Amino acid sequence: MAKAKTTKHTGKNSLVKRLGAQVGSTSLAENILKKRGDLDNEGKLTKKGKKRNSMTAAERAKDRASKASGRPASDYKYDVKTNSATLKKGR
């Protein structure tokens, strides 16, 4: 997997800042989040956006992997260098 563009803003309540750092523009990040349903047309967090924003980057990565595989998020470990989650050994 490719290396993540940034390791900034990995904590909670950093959804817009994190994506903005990854794509290079806050306005582009906001447009992406609007299309995903995380922000409404006024740029405010939706219910879904608030849930994602309350997660760390690691929690979001584990959640993505969990949804894709159907396995529990606890089965995954986070790699900050790639911003992805992989199965823990023996899982």
PDB file of N, CA and C in Angstrom:
ATOM      1  N   MET A   1       0.842  -1.181   0.000  1.00  0.00           N
ATOM      2  CA  MET A   1       0.000   0.000   0.000  1.00  0.00           C
ATOM      3  C   MET A   1       0.884   1.239   0.000  1.00  0.00           C
ATOM      4  N   ALA A   2       0.409   2.299  -0.614  1.00  0.00           N
ATOM      5  CA  ALA A   2       1.164   3.540  -0.710  1.00  0.00           C
ATOM      6  C   ALA A   2       1.255   4.238   0.637  1.00  0.00           C
ATOM      7  N   LYS A   3       2.321   5.007   0.797  1.00  0.00           N
ATOM      8  CA  LYS A   3       2.501   5.773   2.027  1.00  0.00           C
ATOM      9  C   LYS A   3       1.473   6.898   2.088  1.00  0.00           C
ATOM     10  N   ALA A   4       0.933   7.162   3.265  1.00  0.00           N
ATOM     11  CA  ALA A   4      -0.021   8.254   3.451  1.00  0.00           C
ATOM     12  C   ALA A   4       0.678   9.589   3.178  1.00  0.00           C
ATOM     13  N   LYS A   5      -0.070  10.557   2.684  1.00  0.00           N
ATOM     14  CA  LYS A   5       0.511  11.861   2.365  1.00  0.00           C
ATOM     15  C   LYS A   5       0.875  12.650   3.604  1.00  0.00           C
ATOM     16  N   THR A   6       0.198  12.377   4.705  1.00  0.00           N
ATOM     17  CA  THR A   6       0.491  13.113   5.934  1.00  0.00           C
ATOM     18  C   THR A   6       0.137  12.269   7.144  1.00  0.00           C
ATOM     19  N   THR A   7       0.809  12.564   8.233  1.00  0.00           N
ATOM     20  CA  THR A   7       0.451  11.937   9.502  1.00  0.00           C
ATOM     21  C   THR A   7      -0.025  13.004  10.478  1.00  0.00           C
ATOM     22  N   LYS A   8      -0.372  14.182   9.963  1.00  0.00           N
ATOM     23  CA  LYS A   8      -0.897  15.260  10.789  1.00  0.00           C
ATOM     24  C   LYS A   8      -2.370  15.018  11.091  1.00  0.00           C
ATOM     25  N   HIS A   9      -2.827  15.577  12.176  1.00  0.00           N
ATOM     26  CA  HIS A   9      -4.245  15.581  12.535  1.00  0.00           C
ATOM     27  C   HIS A   9      -4.830  14.164  12.630  1.00  0.00           C
ATOM     28  N   THR A  10      -4.187  13.308  13.392  1.00  0.00           N
ATOM     29  CA  THR A  10      -4.661  11.927  13.504  1.00  0.00           C
ATOM     30  C   THR A  10      -5.592  11.710  14.689  1.00  0.00           C
ATOM     31  N   GLY A  11      -5.771  12.734  15.519  1.00  0.00           N
ATOM     32  CA  GLY A  11      -6.618  12.597  16.701  1.00  0.00           C
ATOM     33  C   GLY A  11      -8.095  12.794  16.412  1.00  0.00           C
ATOM     34  N   LYS A  12      -8.879  12.775  17.465  1.00  0.00           N
ATOM     35  CA  LYS A  12     -10.320  12.985  17.344  1.00  0.00           C
ATOM     36  C   LYS A  12     -10.610  14.435  16.962  1.00  0.00           C
ATOM     37  N   ASN A  13     -11.789  14.651  16.398  1.00  0.00           N
ATOM     38  CA  ASN A  13     -12.254  15.986  16.001  1.00  0.00           C
ATOM     39  C   ASN A  13     -11.330  16.659  14.992  1.00  0.00           C
ATOM     40  N   SER A  14     -10.781  15.878  14.074  1.00  0.00           N
ATOM     41  CA  SER A  14      -9.865  16.402  13.062  1.00  0.00           C
ATOM     42  C   SER A  14     -10.228  15.943  11.651  1.00  0.00           C
ATOM     43  N   LEU A  15     -11.468  15.552  11.425  1.00  0.00           N
ATOM     44  CA  LEU A  15     -11.861  14.981  10.136  1.00  0.00           C
ATOM     45  C   LEU A  15     -11.562  15.930   8.977  1.00  0.00           C
ATOM     46  N   VAL A  16     -12.011  17.171   9.054  1.00  0.00           N
ATOM     47  CA  VAL A  16     -11.810  18.126   7.958  1.00  0.00           C
ATOM     48  C   VAL A  16     -10.334  18.487   7.832  1.00  0.00           C
ATOM     49  N   LYS A  17      -9.675  18.760   8.953  1.00  0.00           N
ATOM     50  CA  LYS A  17      -8.252  19.113   8.920  1.00  0.00           C
ATOM     51  C   LYS A  17      -7.413  17.971   8.343  1.00  0.00           C
ATOM     52  N   ARG A  18      -7.722  16.738   8.750  1.00  0.00           N
ATOM     53  CA  ARG A  18      -6.966  15.573   8.279  1.00  0.00           C
ATOM     54  C   ARG A  18      -7.111  15.421   6.775  1.00  0.00           C
ATOM     55  N   LEU A  19      -8.351  15.428   6.282  1.00  0.00           N
ATOM     56  CA  LEU A  19      -8.556  15.265   4.849  1.00  0.00           C
ATOM     57  C   LEU A  19      -7.980  16.450   4.084  1.00  0.00           C
ATOM     58  N   GLY A  20      -8.114  17.646   4.642  1.00  0.00           N
ATOM     59  CA  GLY A  20      -7.527  18.828   4.008  1.00  0.00           C
ATOM     60  C   GLY A  20      -6.020  18.702   3.851  1.00  0.00           C
ATOM     61  N   ALA A  21      -5.350  18.188   4.866  1.00  0.00           N
ATOM     62  CA  ALA A  21      -3.900  17.976   4.789  1.00  0.00           C
ATOM     63  C   ALA A  21      -3.561  16.899   3.763  1.00  0.00           C
ATOM     64  N   GLN A  22      -4.426  15.890   3.644  1.00  0.00           N
ATOM     65  CA  GLN A  22      -4.173  14.809   2.696  1.00  0.00           C
ATOM     66  C   GLN A  22      -4.360  15.252   1.247  1.00  0.00           C
ATOM     67  N   VAL A  23      -5.390  16.059   0.983  1.00  0.00           N
ATOM     68  CA  VAL A  23      -5.678  16.459  -0.400  1.00  0.00           C
ATOM     69  C   VAL A  23      -5.091  17.823  -0.750  1.00  0.00           C
ATOM     70  N   GLY A  24      -4.571  18.554   0.242  1.00  0.00           N
ATOM     71  CA  GLY A  24      -3.898  19.812  -0.012  1.00  0.00           C
ATOM     72  C   GLY A  24      -4.778  21.041   0.003  1.00  0.00           C
ATOM     73  N   SER A  25      -6.049  20.898   0.368  1.00  0.00           N
ATOM     74  CA  SER A  25      -6.957  22.039   0.354  1.00  0.00           C
ATOM     75  C   SER A  25      -8.156  21.773   1.248  1.00  0.00           C
ATOM     76  N   THR A  26      -8.451  22.729   2.131  1.00  0.00           N
ATOM     77  CA  THR A  26      -9.616  22.584   2.996  1.00  0.00           C
ATOM     78  C   THR A  26     -10.907  22.607   2.191  1.00  0.00           C
ATOM     79  N   SER A  27     -10.981  23.470   1.164  1.00  0.00           N
ATOM     80  CA  SER A  27     -12.214  23.546   0.372  1.00  0.00           C
ATOM     81  C   SER A  27     -12.456  22.254  -0.400  1.00  0.00           C
ATOM     82  N   LEU A  28     -11.404  21.642  -0.920  1.00  0.00           N
ATOM     83  CA  LEU A  28     -11.554  20.358  -1.604  1.00  0.00           C
ATOM     84  C   LEU A  28     -11.997  19.285  -0.612  1.00  0.00           C
ATOM     85  N   ALA A  29     -11.416  19.304   0.580  1.00  0.00           N
ATOM     86  CA  ALA A  29     -11.801  18.346   1.624  1.00  0.00           C
ATOM     87  C   ALA A  29     -13.274  18.506   1.975  1.00  0.00           C
ATOM     88  N   GLU A  30     -13.723  19.749   2.112  1.00  0.00           N
ATOM     89  CA  GLU A  30     -15.128  19.992   2.435  1.00  0.00           C
ATOM     90  C   GLU A  30     -16.048  19.481   1.332  1.00  0.00           C
ATOM     91  N   ASN A  31     -15.670  19.681   0.075  1.00  0.00           N
ATOM     92  CA  ASN A  31     -16.476  19.169  -1.039  1.00  0.00           C
ATOM     93  C   ASN A  31     -16.552  17.646  -1.026  1.00  0.00           C
ATOM     94  N   ILE A  32     -15.444  16.993  -0.739  1.00  0.00           N
ATOM     95  CA  ILE A  32     -15.417  15.526  -0.659  1.00  0.00           C
ATOM     96  C   ILE A  32     -16.325  15.055   0.473  1.00  0.00           C
ATOM     97  N   LEU A  33     -16.222  15.716   1.619  1.00  0.00           N
ATOM     98  CA  LEU A  33     -17.033  15.326   2.773  1.00  0.00           C
ATOM     99  C   LEU A  33     -18.520  15.594   2.551  1.00  0.00           C
ATOM    100  N   LYS A  34     -18.848  16.620   1.779  1.00  0.00           N
ATOM    101  CA  LYS A  34     -20.249  16.869   1.419  1.00  0.00           C
ATOM    102  C   LYS A  34     -20.774  15.734   0.543  1.00  0.00           C
ATOM    103  N   LYS A  35     -19.977  15.318  -0.431  1.00  0.00           N
ATOM    104  CA  LYS A  35     -20.390  14.221  -1.319  1.00  0.00           C
ATOM    105  C   LYS A  35     -20.560  12.913  -0.554  1.00  0.00           C
ATOM    106  N   ARG A  36     -19.739  12.702   0.457  1.00  0.00           N
ATOM    107  CA  ARG A  36     -19.819  11.486   1.278  1.00  0.00           C
ATOM    108  C   ARG A  36     -20.952  11.538   2.292  1.00  0.00           C
ATOM    109  N   GLY A  37     -21.496  12.742   2.517  1.00  0.00           N
ATOM    110  CA  GLY A  37     -22.572  12.888   3.485  1.00  0.00           C
ATOM    111  C   GLY A  37     -22.103  13.195   4.892  1.00  0.00           C
ATOM    112  N   ASP A  38     -20.835  13.570   5.030  1.00  0.00           N
ATOM    113  CA  ASP A  38     -20.296  13.910   6.345  1.00  0.00           C
ATOM    114  C   ASP A  38     -20.534  15.380   6.695  1.00  0.00           C
ATOM    115  N   LEU A  39     -20.722  16.218   5.672  1.00  0.00           N
ATOM    116  CA  LEU A  39     -21.039  17.636   5.860  1.00  0.00           C
ATOM    117  C   LEU A  39     -22.315  17.954   5.093  1.00  0.00           C
ATOM    118  N   ASP A  40     -23.120  18.886   5.634  1.00  0.00           N
ATOM    119  CA  ASP A  40     -24.303  19.328   4.897  1.00  0.00           C
ATOM    120  C   ASP A  40     -23.893  20.456   3.948  1.00  0.00           C
ATOM    121  N   ASN A  41     -24.841  21.013   3.218  1.00  0.00           N
ATOM    122  CA  ASN A  41     -24.529  22.060   2.234  1.00  0.00           C
ATOM    123  C   ASN A  41     -23.976  23.324   2.867  1.00  0.00           C
ATOM    124  N   GLU A  42     -24.231  23.542   4.147  1.00  0.00           N
ATOM    125  CA  GLU A  42     -23.700  24.715   4.850  1.00  0.00           C
ATOM    126  C   GLU A  42     -22.313  24.456   5.429  1.00  0.00           C
ATOM    127  N   GLY A  43     -21.812  23.238   5.270  1.00  0.00           N
ATOM    128  CA  GLY A  43     -20.490  22.898   5.790  1.00  0.00           C
ATOM    129  C   GLY A  43     -20.486  22.445   7.230  1.00  0.00           C
ATOM    130  N   LYS A  44     -21.666  22.125   7.766  1.00  0.00           N
ATOM    131  CA  LYS A  44     -21.761  21.638   9.143  1.00  0.00           C
ATOM    132  C   LYS A  44     -21.782  20.116   9.145  1.00  0.00           C
ATOM    133  N   LEU A  45     -21.221  19.539  10.183  1.00  0.00           N
ATOM    134  CA  LEU A  45     -21.187  18.083  10.291  1.00  0.00           C
ATOM    135  C   LEU A  45     -22.594  17.506  10.400  1.00  0.00           C
ATOM    136  N   THR A  46     -22.849  16.451   9.640  1.00  0.00           N
ATOM    137  CA  THR A  46     -24.103  15.716   9.746  1.00  0.00           C
ATOM    138  C   THR A  46     -23.964  14.717  10.894  1.00  0.00           C
ATOM    139  N   LYS A  47     -25.011  13.966  11.153  1.00  0.00           N
ATOM    140  CA  LYS A  47     -24.951  12.934  12.199  1.00  0.00           C
ATOM    141  C   LYS A  47     -23.822  11.950  11.880  1.00  0.00           C
ATOM    142  N   LYS A  48     -23.755  11.519  10.613  1.00  0.00           N
ATOM    143  CA  LYS A  48     -22.685  10.608  10.179  1.00  0.00           C
ATOM    144  C   LYS A  48     -21.319  11.278  10.352  1.00  0.00           C
ATOM    145  N   GLY A  49     -21.225  12.557   9.961  1.00  0.00           N
ATOM    146  CA  GLY A  49     -19.969  13.286  10.072  1.00  0.00           C
ATOM    147  C   GLY A  49     -19.509  13.444  11.507  1.00  0.00           C
ATOM    148  N   LYS A  50     -20.459  13.689  12.408  1.00  0.00           N
ATOM    149  CA  LYS A  50     -20.111  13.810  13.829  1.00  0.00           C
ATOM    150  C   LYS A  50     -19.555  12.507  14.365  1.00  0.00           C
ATOM    151  N   LYS A  51     -20.150  11.389  13.923  1.00  0.00           N
ATOM    152  CA  LYS A  51     -19.663  10.078  14.357  1.00  0.00           C
ATOM    153  C   LYS A  51     -18.236   9.855  13.863  1.00  0.00           C
ATOM    154  N   ARG A  52     -17.983  10.146  12.565  1.00  0.00           N
ATOM    155  CA  ARG A  52     -16.642   9.960  11.998  1.00  0.00           C
ATOM    156  C   ARG A  52     -15.647  10.933  12.631  1.00  0.00           C
ATOM    157  N   ASN A  53     -16.078  12.161  12.885  1.00  0.00           N
ATOM    158  CA  ASN A  53     -15.209  13.174  13.466  1.00  0.00           C
ATOM    159  C   ASN A  53     -14.801  12.824  14.894  1.00  0.00           C
ATOM    160  N   SER A  54     -15.643  12.071  15.585  1.00  0.00           N
ATOM    161  CA  SER A  54     -15.323  11.688  16.964  1.00  0.00           C
ATOM    162  C   SER A  54     -14.324  10.540  17.016  1.00  0.00           C
ATOM    163  N   MET A  55     -13.966   9.988  15.861  1.00  0.00           N
ATOM    164  CA  MET A  55     -13.007   8.880  15.791  1.00  0.00           C
ATOM    165  C   MET A  55     -11.611   9.416  15.458  1.00  0.00           C
ATOM    166  N   THR A  56     -10.600   8.681  15.885  1.00  0.00           N
ATOM    167  CA  THR A  56      -9.232   8.992  15.475  1.00  0.00           C
ATOM    168  C   THR A  56      -9.014   8.426  14.073  1.00  0.00           C
ATOM    169  N   ALA A  57      -7.915   8.788  13.446  1.00  0.00           N
ATOM    170  CA  ALA A  57      -7.589   8.247  12.126  1.00  0.00           C
ATOM    171  C   ALA A  57      -7.486   6.719  12.197  1.00  0.00           C
ATOM    172  N   ALA A  58      -6.928   6.217  13.283  1.00  0.00           N
ATOM    173  CA  ALA A  58      -6.791   4.767  13.458  1.00  0.00           C
ATOM    174  C   ALA A  58      -8.159   4.096  13.550  1.00  0.00           C
ATOM    175  N   GLU A  59      -9.058   4.711  14.310  1.00  0.00           N
ATOM    176  CA  GLU A  59     -10.400   4.142  14.456  1.00  0.00           C
ATOM    177  C   GLU A  59     -11.151   4.150  13.125  1.00  0.00           C
ATOM    178  N   ARG A  60     -10.977   5.234  12.336  1.00  0.00           N
ATOM    179  CA  ARG A  60     -11.639   5.290  11.027  1.00  0.00           C
ATOM    180  C   ARG A  60     -11.089   4.229  10.096  1.00  0.00           C
ATOM    181  N   ALA A  61      -9.764   4.019  10.100  1.00  0.00           N
ATOM    182  CA  ALA A  61      -9.152   3.009   9.235  1.00  0.00           C
ATOM    183  C   ALA A  61      -9.626   1.605   9.617  1.00  0.00           C
ATOM    184  N   LYS A  62      -9.664   1.325  10.908  1.00  0.00           N
ATOM    185  CA  LYS A  62     -10.150   0.023  11.371  1.00  0.00           C
ATOM    186  C   LYS A  62     -11.620  -0.163  11.026  1.00  0.00           C
ATOM    187  N   ASP A  63     -12.403   0.914  11.124  1.00  0.00           N
ATOM    188  CA  ASP A  63     -13.822   0.866  10.784  1.00  0.00           C
ATOM    189  C   ASP A  63     -14.012   0.571   9.298  1.00  0.00           C
ATOM    190  N   ARG A  64     -13.221   1.218   8.430  1.00  0.00           N
ATOM    191  CA  ARG A  64     -13.296   0.955   6.983  1.00  0.00           C
ATOM    192  C   ARG A  64     -12.986  -0.502   6.683  1.00  0.00           C
ATOM    193  N   ALA A  65     -11.917  -1.014   7.281  1.00  0.00           N
ATOM    194  CA  ALA A  65     -11.518  -2.401   7.052  1.00  0.00           C
ATOM    195  C   ALA A  65     -12.574  -3.365   7.572  1.00  0.00           C
ATOM    196  N   SER A  66     -13.123  -3.051   8.714  1.00  0.00           N
ATOM    197  CA  SER A  66     -14.152  -3.889   9.325  1.00  0.00           C
ATOM    198  C   SER A  66     -15.401  -3.951   8.455  1.00  0.00           C
ATOM    199  N   LYS A  67     -15.834  -2.807   7.954  1.00  0.00           N
ATOM    200  CA  LYS A  67     -17.019  -2.768   7.085  1.00  0.00           C
ATOM    201  C   LYS A  67     -16.786  -3.537   5.797  1.00  0.00           C
ATOM    202  N   ALA A  68     -15.589  -3.445   5.252  1.00  0.00           N
ATOM    203  CA  ALA A  68     -15.278  -4.133   3.996  1.00  0.00           C
ATOM    204  C   ALA A  68     -15.223  -5.645   4.162  1.00  0.00           C
ATOM    205  N   SER A  69     -14.769  -6.102   5.331  1.00  0.00           N
ATOM    206  CA  SER A  69     -14.562  -7.537   5.534  1.00  0.00           C
ATOM    207  C   SER A  69     -15.671  -8.219   6.325  1.00  0.00           C
ATOM    208  N   GLY A  70     -16.394  -7.434   7.114  1.00  0.00           N
ATOM    209  CA  GLY A  70     -17.399  -8.020   7.995  1.00  0.00           C
ATOM    210  C   GLY A  70     -16.819  -8.523   9.313  1.00  0.00           C
ATOM    211  N   ARG A  71     -15.541  -8.341   9.508  1.00  0.00           N
ATOM    212  CA  ARG A  71     -14.881  -8.757  10.750  1.00  0.00           C
ATOM    213  C   ARG A  71     -14.911  -7.613  11.751  1.00  0.00           C
ATOM    214  N   PRO A  72     -14.766  -7.898  13.039  1.00  0.00           N
ATOM    215  CA  PRO A  72     -14.763  -6.817  14.036  1.00  0.00           C
ATOM    216  C   PRO A  72     -13.532  -5.922  13.903  1.00  0.00           C
ATOM    217  N   ALA A  73     -13.701  -4.643  14.202  1.00  0.00           N
ATOM    218  CA  ALA A  73     -12.600  -3.686  14.123  1.00  0.00           C
ATOM    219  C   ALA A  73     -11.442  -4.088  15.036  1.00  0.00           C
ATOM    220  N   SER A  74     -11.746  -4.794  16.116  1.00  0.00           N
ATOM    221  CA  SER A  74     -10.693  -5.219  17.052  1.00  0.00           C
ATOM    222  C   SER A  74      -9.738  -6.246  16.440  1.00  0.00           C
ATOM    223  N   ASP A  75     -10.095  -6.812  15.292  1.00  0.00           N
ATOM    224  CA  ASP A  75      -9.216  -7.765  14.599  1.00  0.00           C
ATOM    225  C   ASP A  75      -8.107  -7.067  13.817  1.00  0.00           C
ATOM    226  N   TYR A  76      -8.139  -5.752  13.774  1.00  0.00           N
ATOM    227  CA  TYR A  76      -7.213  -4.994  12.928  1.00  0.00           C
ATOM    228  C   TYR A  76      -6.241  -4.152  13.731  1.00  0.00           C
ATOM    229  N   LYS A  77      -5.081  -3.916  13.127  1.00  0.00           N
ATOM    230  CA  LYS A  77      -4.096  -2.991  13.688  1.00  0.00           C
ATOM    231  C   LYS A  77      -3.899  -1.867  12.666  1.00  0.00           C
ATOM    232  N   TYR A  78      -3.567  -0.695  13.152  1.00  0.00           N
ATOM    233  CA  TYR A  78      -3.437   0.495  12.317  1.00  0.00           C
ATOM    234  C   TYR A  78      -1.983   0.766  11.981  1.00  0.00           C
ATOM    235  N   ASP A  79      -1.741   1.140  10.720  1.00  0.00           N
ATOM    236  CA  ASP A  79      -0.407   1.541  10.273  1.00  0.00           C
ATOM    237  C   ASP A  79      -0.463   3.022   9.914  1.00  0.00           C
ATOM    238  N   VAL A  80       0.129   3.862  10.743  1.00  0.00           N
ATOM    239  CA  VAL A  80       0.085   5.306  10.530  1.00  0.00           C
ATOM    240  C   VAL A  80       0.788   5.708   9.235  1.00  0.00           C
ATOM    241  N   LYS A  81       1.777   4.940   8.806  1.00  0.00           N
ATOM    242  CA  LYS A  81       2.520   5.276   7.587  1.00  0.00           C
ATOM    243  C   LYS A  81       1.672   5.138   6.337  1.00  0.00           C
ATOM    244  N   THR A  82       0.735   4.203   6.343  1.00  0.00           N
ATOM    245  CA  THR A  82      -0.111   3.978   5.168  1.00  0.00           C
ATOM    246  C   THR A  82      -1.563   4.398   5.389  1.00  0.00           C
ATOM    247  N   ASN A  83      -1.898   4.801   6.614  1.00  0.00           N
ATOM    248  CA  ASN A  83      -3.264   5.164   6.995  1.00  0.00           C
ATOM    249  C   ASN A  83      -4.232   4.031   6.657  1.00  0.00           C
ATOM    250  N   SER A  84      -3.799   2.823   6.960  1.00  0.00           N
ATOM    251  CA  SER A  84      -4.651   1.666   6.682  1.00  0.00           C
ATOM    252  C   SER A  84      -4.607   0.692   7.854  1.00  0.00           C
ATOM    253  N   ALA A  85      -5.561  -0.215   7.850  1.00  0.00           N
ATOM    254  CA  ALA A  85      -5.631  -1.232   8.894  1.00  0.00           C
ATOM    255  C   ALA A  85      -5.442  -2.597   8.256  1.00  0.00           C
ATOM    256  N   THR A  86      -4.683  -3.443   8.925  1.00  0.00           N
ATOM    257  CA  THR A  86      -4.467  -4.805   8.459  1.00  0.00           C
ATOM    258  C   THR A  86      -4.798  -5.771   9.597  1.00  0.00           C
ATOM    259  N   LEU A  87      -5.117  -6.990   9.212  1.00  0.00           N
ATOM    260  CA  LEU A  87      -5.455  -8.002  10.218  1.00  0.00           C
ATOM    261  C   LEU A  87      -4.272  -8.253  11.141  1.00  0.00           C
ATOM    262  N   LYS A  88      -4.562  -8.388  12.420  1.00  0.00           N
ATOM    263  CA  LYS A  88      -3.538  -8.767  13.386  1.00  0.00           C
ATOM    264  C   LYS A  88      -3.125 -10.203  13.095  1.00  0.00           C
ATOM    265  N   LYS A  89      -1.917 -10.554  13.440  1.00  0.00           N
ATOM    266  CA  LYS A  89      -1.433 -11.924  13.216  1.00  0.00           C
ATOM    267  C   LYS A  89      -2.300 -12.907  14.006  1.00  0.00           C
ATOM    268  N   GLY A  90      -2.589 -14.019  13.377  1.00  0.00           N
ATOM    269  CA  GLY A  90      -3.363 -15.058  14.024  1.00  0.00           C
ATOM    270  C   GLY A  90      -4.862 -14.839  13.972  1.00  0.00           C
ATOM    271  N   ARG A  91      -5.317 -13.854  13.218  1.00  0.00           N
ATOM    272  CA  ARG A  91      -6.766 -13.563  13.139  1.00  0.00           C
ATOM    273  C   ARG A  91      -7.366 -14.142  11.895  1.00  0.00           C
TER     274      ARG A  91
END
